[in-house]
Amino acid sequence: MFLKHTTNKENCQKQRLDKFLAEKFFLPRAFIQELIKSNGVLVNDKKIKAHYLLKENEEIKIDEKKIEEMKKAKEIDLSPSKKKLEIIFEDKNFLIINKPAGLIVHPSAAHRKETLVNILLNYFPEIKNVGEDEFRPGIVHRLDKEASGLLAIAKTQKAFEYLKKQFQDRQIEKEYLVLVHGRIKEKKGKIELPIGRLPKKGFKMSTGYFSKAKPALTEYELIKYINDYSFLKVKTKTGRTHQIRVHLKALGYPVVGDKIYKPKKSKKVKLDRIFLHCHKLGFHDLENKKQNFEIGLPDELNDFFKSD
């Protein structure tokens, strides 16, 4: 069964299709974009892109059955979790946490519960409506599931917008401690390669100059060599998915413990996570005061040095 709507000059002329439908049906924009991508929306009986600009007197058809199927498939459990949270700092506007490896930041169709968001909702139920996405309350930035370290969480909408703007303007300072395979030749350098998701590669990212790749810049500096490894401090100037992991692999030095981007022939290690830890985070608070935070390596990464 299709829901039908005819556009008119007042309600949607020159408005993006995904934005219009998200507002009309009170659904997340990402959900609408996925619906459009799966051919659940037709404009004048034609498949269309999410960014299509609507015109007057166009007929939009929405597959109601597909909407319900997608909703069912994406049923996410936002019930609070009583797992413990390591809070480094907290005030009325934001908090800084130390995310452990293995914890997913927000729920998705693949991971519906027991995420950082579920834990946050137990500690701070008031953040439920903070942010832009009901499934990511308070979340301004992310860390990979397998990584650990500092994360800033917004407790108010004003703080969310303020921190988001700093991320967009690349004013947030983040530094990671990373261990890679091999003895890196250039002790200090920049990796400036576009990153994107290749078709038919699922969630894996890749460097290269193809249509969906976006500019990405990573800076690194050698701290020391440890046997056949290089211990680095790394800064990202952009925020692409898996950026550090993909860039270092492209340079020929994959991150220790990375099962996704490791070469076929790589040394096996006794580590159940990736050696990637965000140990420094800096930004300006709502009073424009600089806030800097720093933490050391977690036990399992310190223990790896002793065991290898």
Foldseek 3Di string as FASTA:
>chain_A
DKDKDFAAPPQFAQHFQLVSVCVVVVHASVLSQVCLVVVQKDKQNHRDHRRDGDHHGIMIIGNPVVSVVVCVLWQADLAADCDDWAWPDDDQWKTKTKFDAQAFAWATSVRRDRHVSNPCCVVQVQQCPADRDNGRRQAQAGDDNQEIEIGMGTNHNVQSVVVNVCQVVLVKWWKKKFKWFADDDDQWDKQWFWKADDPPPPPDIETDDDDGTDIWMKIKGFPDDQVGMTIIMITTSHRDVCRVQRRCVVVVIGWPPDPPSDDPDDDDADANGTRMYTAWIWDAGPVRHIDIGGDDDDPRNVVRSVPD
